């Protein structure tokens, strides 16, 4: 489903620098929003010293967002590693119109974030729980 929402050029250009951890994009995460029902833009960014919990805390309770986070973890054999994870936050408590807009526009953003292989859809906070929901998915790609 195409919604006619486009991705702001800044999203793709900052993503390339973020992926390579180039200054000034040595960050932990980005949160994206759809502005004026037309364009996906960067709403917030988290410094490198921020945590996954900080990221979740920045997501609105009753509105949709997209997020991209660099998650650091240890593999089952003890190696430290990290993965970029795209999270679509589409809470059950949001209004129907934004939920439809964000669901239908997700592919445009995913296409701009070339190289992100892990995508998680979350509709409530239990689906954002790091230990039970996110880490098991991320470890499959380690």
C-alpha atoms as a PDB file:
ATOM      1  CA  UNK A   1       0.000   0.000   0.000  1.00  0.00           C
ATOM      2  CA  UNK A   2       1.491   3.329  -1.029  1.00  0.00           C
ATOM      3  CA  UNK A   3       0.467   6.414   0.886  1.00  0.00           C
ATOM      4  CA  UNK A   4       2.320   9.011  -1.166  1.00  0.00           C
ATOM      5  CA  UNK A   5       4.595   9.761   1.799  1.00  0.00           C
ATOM      6  CA  UNK A   6       8.201  10.415   0.778  1.00  0.00           C
ATOM      7  CA  UNK A   7      11.447  10.221   2.722  1.00  0.00           C
ATOM      8  CA  UNK A   8      13.335  13.457   3.348  1.00  0.00           C
ATOM      9  CA  UNK A   9      16.790  13.499   1.683  1.00  0.00           C
ATOM     10  CA  UNK A  10      18.416  14.181   5.060  1.00  0.00           C
ATOM     11  CA  UNK A  11      17.227  10.781   6.318  1.00  0.00           C
ATOM     12  CA  UNK A  12      19.251   8.843   3.735  1.00  0.00           C
ATOM     13  CA  UNK A  13      22.348  11.070   3.915  1.00  0.00           C
ATOM     14  CA  UNK A  14      22.548  10.973   7.725  1.00  0.00           C
ATOM     15  CA  UNK A  15      21.899   7.231   7.714  1.00  0.00           C
ATOM     16  CA  UNK A  16      25.003   6.582   5.592  1.00  0.00           C
ATOM     17  CA  UNK A  17      27.165   8.526   8.067  1.00  0.00           C
ATOM     18  CA  UNK A  18      25.409   6.902  11.047  1.00  0.00           C
ATOM     19  CA  UNK A  19      25.996   3.423   9.622  1.00  0.00           C
ATOM     20  CA  UNK A  20      29.728   4.158   9.438  1.00  0.00           C
ATOM     21  CA  UNK A  21      29.687   6.045  12.785  1.00  0.00           C
ATOM     22  CA  UNK A  22      31.149   9.167  11.167  1.00  0.00           C
ATOM     23  CA  UNK A  23      31.079  12.489  13.016  1.00  0.00           C
ATOM     24  CA  UNK A  24      28.725  14.137  13.817  1.00  0.00           C
ATOM     25  CA  UNK A  25      26.586  10.977  13.585  1.00  0.00           C
ATOM     26  CA  UNK A  26      28.308   8.821  16.201  1.00  0.00           C
ATOM     27  CA  UNK A  27      24.884   8.247  17.702  1.00  0.00           C
ATOM     28  CA  UNK A  28      22.874   5.460  19.338  1.00  0.00           C
ATOM     29  CA  UNK A  29      19.554   6.028  17.550  1.00  0.00           C
ATOM     30  CA  UNK A  30      17.208   8.072  15.381  1.00  0.00           C
ATOM     31  CA  UNK A  31      13.452   8.479  15.777  1.00  0.00           C
ATOM     32  CA  UNK A  32      11.529   9.389  12.644  1.00  0.00           C
ATOM     33  CA  UNK A  33       8.073  10.887  12.218  1.00  0.00           C
ATOM     34  CA  UNK A  34       5.784  11.646   9.300  1.00  0.00           C
ATOM     35  CA  UNK A  35       5.488  15.417   9.022  1.00  0.00           C
ATOM     36  CA  UNK A  36       2.313  16.965   7.570  1.00  0.00           C
ATOM     37  CA  UNK A  37       1.205  13.514   6.317  1.00  0.00           C
ATOM     38  CA  UNK A  38       3.743  13.924   3.493  1.00  0.00           C
ATOM     39  CA  UNK A  39       7.365  13.449   4.496  1.00  0.00           C
ATOM     40  CA  UNK A  40       9.328  11.170   6.814  1.00  0.00           C
ATOM     41  CA  UNK A  41      11.814  13.305   8.763  1.00  0.00           C
ATOM     42  CA  UNK A  42      14.204  12.894  11.684  1.00  0.00           C
ATOM     43  CA  UNK A  43      12.404  13.861  14.871  1.00  0.00           C
ATOM     44  CA  UNK A  44      15.022  12.974  17.497  1.00  0.00           C
ATOM     45  CA  UNK A  45      18.463  11.496  17.785  1.00  0.00           C
ATOM     46  CA  UNK A  46      20.188   9.905  20.755  1.00  0.00           C
ATOM     47  CA  UNK A  47      23.824  10.392  21.671  1.00  0.00           C
ATOM     48  CA  UNK A  48      26.100   7.358  21.707  1.00  0.00           C
ATOM     49  CA  UNK A  49      25.940   7.162  25.525  1.00  0.00           C
ATOM     50  CA  UNK A  50      22.146   6.696  25.459  1.00  0.00           C
ATOM     51  CA  UNK A  51      20.642   3.247  26.004  1.00  0.00           C
ATOM     52  CA  UNK A  52      17.883   1.143  24.501  1.00  0.00           C
ATOM     53  CA  UNK A  53      15.678   2.180  27.440  1.00  0.00           C
ATOM     54  CA  UNK A  54      16.290   5.859  26.585  1.00  0.00           C
ATOM     55  CA  UNK A  55      15.193   5.097  23.021  1.00  0.00           C
ATOM     56  CA  UNK A  56      11.967   3.408  24.171  1.00  0.00           C
ATOM     57  CA  UNK A  57      11.312   6.289  26.566  1.00  0.00           C
ATOM     58  CA  UNK A  58      11.406   8.753  23.669  1.00  0.00           C
ATOM     59  CA  UNK A  59       8.667   6.944  21.739  1.00  0.00           C
ATOM     60  CA  UNK A  60       5.257   8.589  22.253  1.00  0.00           C
ATOM     61  CA  UNK A  61       2.712   6.596  24.244  1.00  0.00           C
ATOM     62  CA  UNK A  62      -0.247   7.106  21.879  1.00  0.00           C
ATOM     63  CA  UNK A  63       1.280   7.985  18.515  1.00  0.00           C
ATOM     64  CA  UNK A  64       3.249   6.134  15.852  1.00  0.00           C
ATOM     65  CA  UNK A  65       6.938   6.522  15.021  1.00  0.00           C
ATOM     66  CA  UNK A  66       9.782   4.729  13.311  1.00  0.00           C
ATOM     67  CA  UNK A  67      13.099   4.138  14.996  1.00  0.00           C
ATOM     68  CA  UNK A  68      16.571   3.040  14.025  1.00  0.00           C
ATOM     69  CA  UNK A  69      18.898   1.943  16.802  1.00  0.00           C
ATOM     70  CA  UNK A  70      22.395   0.527  17.010  1.00  0.00           C
ATOM     71  CA  UNK A  71      22.071  -2.314  19.529  1.00  0.00           C
ATOM     72  CA  UNK A  72      25.223  -3.623  21.179  1.00  0.00           C
ATOM     73  CA  UNK A  73      25.098  -7.115  22.655  1.00  0.00           C
ATOM     74  CA  UNK A  74      27.116 -10.246  23.241  1.00  0.00           C
ATOM     75  CA  UNK A  75      26.684 -13.256  20.975  1.00  0.00           C
ATOM     76  CA  UNK A  76      25.981 -16.693  22.413  1.00  0.00           C
ATOM     77  CA  UNK A  77      29.683 -17.516  22.095  1.00  0.00           C
ATOM     78  CA  UNK A  78      30.695 -14.370  24.002  1.00  0.00           C
ATOM     79  CA  UNK A  79      31.726 -12.018  21.195  1.00  0.00           C
ATOM     80  CA  UNK A  80      30.714  -8.341  21.562  1.00  0.00           C
ATOM     81  CA  UNK A  81      28.911  -7.090  18.450  1.00  0.00           C
ATOM     82  CA  UNK A  82      26.244  -4.658  17.325  1.00  0.00           C
ATOM     83  CA  UNK A  83      23.391  -4.576  14.818  1.00  0.00           C
ATOM     84  CA  UNK A  84      21.256  -1.829  13.335  1.00  0.00           C
ATOM     85  CA  UNK A  85      17.583  -2.474  14.058  1.00  0.00           C
ATOM     86  CA  UNK A  86      14.587  -0.760  12.453  1.00  0.00           C
ATOM     87  CA  UNK A  87      11.582  -0.555  14.754  1.00  0.00           C
ATOM     88  CA  UNK A  88       8.101   0.379  13.614  1.00  0.00           C
ATOM     89  CA  UNK A  89       6.195   1.693  16.658  1.00  0.00           C
ATOM     90  CA  UNK A  90       2.488   1.483  15.905  1.00  0.00           C
ATOM     91  CA  UNK A  91       0.788   1.361  19.341  1.00  0.00           C
ATOM     92  CA  UNK A  92      -2.684  -0.094  19.741  1.00  0.00           C
ATOM     93  CA  UNK A  93      -3.628   3.115  21.582  1.00  0.00           C
ATOM     94  CA  UNK A  94      -2.944   5.362  18.565  1.00  0.00           C
ATOM     95  CA  UNK A  95      -5.753   6.683  16.376  1.00  0.00           C
ATOM     96  CA  UNK A  96      -6.682   4.693  13.292  1.00  0.00           C
ATOM     97  CA  UNK A  97      -5.559   7.293  10.729  1.00  0.00           C
ATOM     98  CA  UNK A  98      -1.934   7.595  11.913  1.00  0.00           C
ATOM     99  CA  UNK A  99      -1.704   3.817  12.296  1.00  0.00           C
ATOM    100  CA  UNK A 100      -2.751   3.370   8.681  1.00  0.00           C
ATOM    101  CA  UNK A 101      -0.425   6.150   7.483  1.00  0.00           C
ATOM    102  CA  UNK A 102       2.609   4.738   9.305  1.00  0.00           C
ATOM    103  CA  UNK A 103       1.850   1.132   8.286  1.00  0.00           C
ATOM    104  CA  UNK A 104       1.474   2.109   4.646  1.00  0.00           C
ATOM    105  CA  UNK A 105       4.570   4.323   4.564  1.00  0.00           C
ATOM    106  CA  UNK A 106       7.028   2.014   6.298  1.00  0.00           C
ATOM    107  CA  UNK A 107       8.425   0.476   3.110  1.00  0.00           C
ATOM    108  CA  UNK A 108       9.518   3.884   1.770  1.00  0.00           C
ATOM    109  CA  UNK A 109      11.682   4.449   4.840  1.00  0.00           C
ATOM    110  CA  UNK A 110      13.026   0.897   4.838  1.00  0.00           C
ATOM    111  CA  UNK A 111      14.087   1.419   1.212  1.00  0.00           C
ATOM    112  CA  UNK A 112      16.059   4.532   2.230  1.00  0.00           C
ATOM    113  CA  UNK A 113      17.827   2.676   5.054  1.00  0.00           C
ATOM    114  CA  UNK A 114      19.839   0.345   2.850  1.00  0.00           C
ATOM    115  CA  UNK A 115      21.609  -2.388   4.781  1.00  0.00           C
ATOM    116  CA  UNK A 116      19.320  -2.650   7.817  1.00  0.00           C
ATOM    117  CA  UNK A 117      18.358  -6.304   7.944  1.00  0.00           C
ATOM    118  CA  UNK A 118      16.466  -6.475  11.225  1.00  0.00           C
ATOM    119  CA  UNK A 119      12.928  -5.095  11.307  1.00  0.00           C
ATOM    120  CA  UNK A 120      10.671  -5.246  14.342  1.00  0.00           C
ATOM    121  CA  UNK A 121       7.019  -4.219  14.465  1.00  0.00           C
ATOM    122  CA  UNK A 122       5.773  -3.230  17.919  1.00  0.00           C
ATOM    123  CA  UNK A 123       2.212  -2.408  18.951  1.00  0.00           C
ATOM    124  CA  UNK A 124       2.684  -2.266  22.726  1.00  0.00           C
ATOM    125  CA  UNK A 125       5.506  -2.012  25.270  1.00  0.00           C
ATOM    126  CA  UNK A 126       5.728  -5.782  25.768  1.00  0.00           C
ATOM    127  CA  UNK A 127       6.879  -6.047  22.133  1.00  0.00           C
ATOM    128  CA  UNK A 128       9.631  -3.510  22.910  1.00  0.00           C
ATOM    129  CA  UNK A 129      10.974  -5.413  25.930  1.00  0.00           C
ATOM    130  CA  UNK A 130      14.693  -5.808  25.292  1.00  0.00           C
ATOM    131  CA  UNK A 131      15.336  -9.163  26.942  1.00  0.00           C
ATOM    132  CA  UNK A 132      12.186 -11.012  25.852  1.00  0.00           C
ATOM    133  CA  UNK A 133      11.258  -9.463  22.491  1.00  0.00           C
ATOM    134  CA  UNK A 134      14.141  -7.591  20.877  1.00  0.00           C
ATOM    135  CA  UNK A 135      17.344  -9.407  21.882  1.00  0.00           C
ATOM    136  CA  UNK A 136      16.172 -12.876  20.750  1.00  0.00           C
ATOM    137  CA  UNK A 137      15.362 -11.474  17.286  1.00  0.00           C
ATOM    138  CA  UNK A 138      18.668  -9.601  17.047  1.00  0.00           C
ATOM    139  CA  UNK A 139      20.705 -12.657  18.120  1.00  0.00           C
ATOM    140  CA  UNK A 140      19.300 -14.629  15.172  1.00  0.00           C
ATOM    141  CA  UNK A 141      21.292 -12.295  12.904  1.00  0.00           C
ATOM    142  CA  UNK A 142      24.551 -12.386  14.911  1.00  0.00           C
END
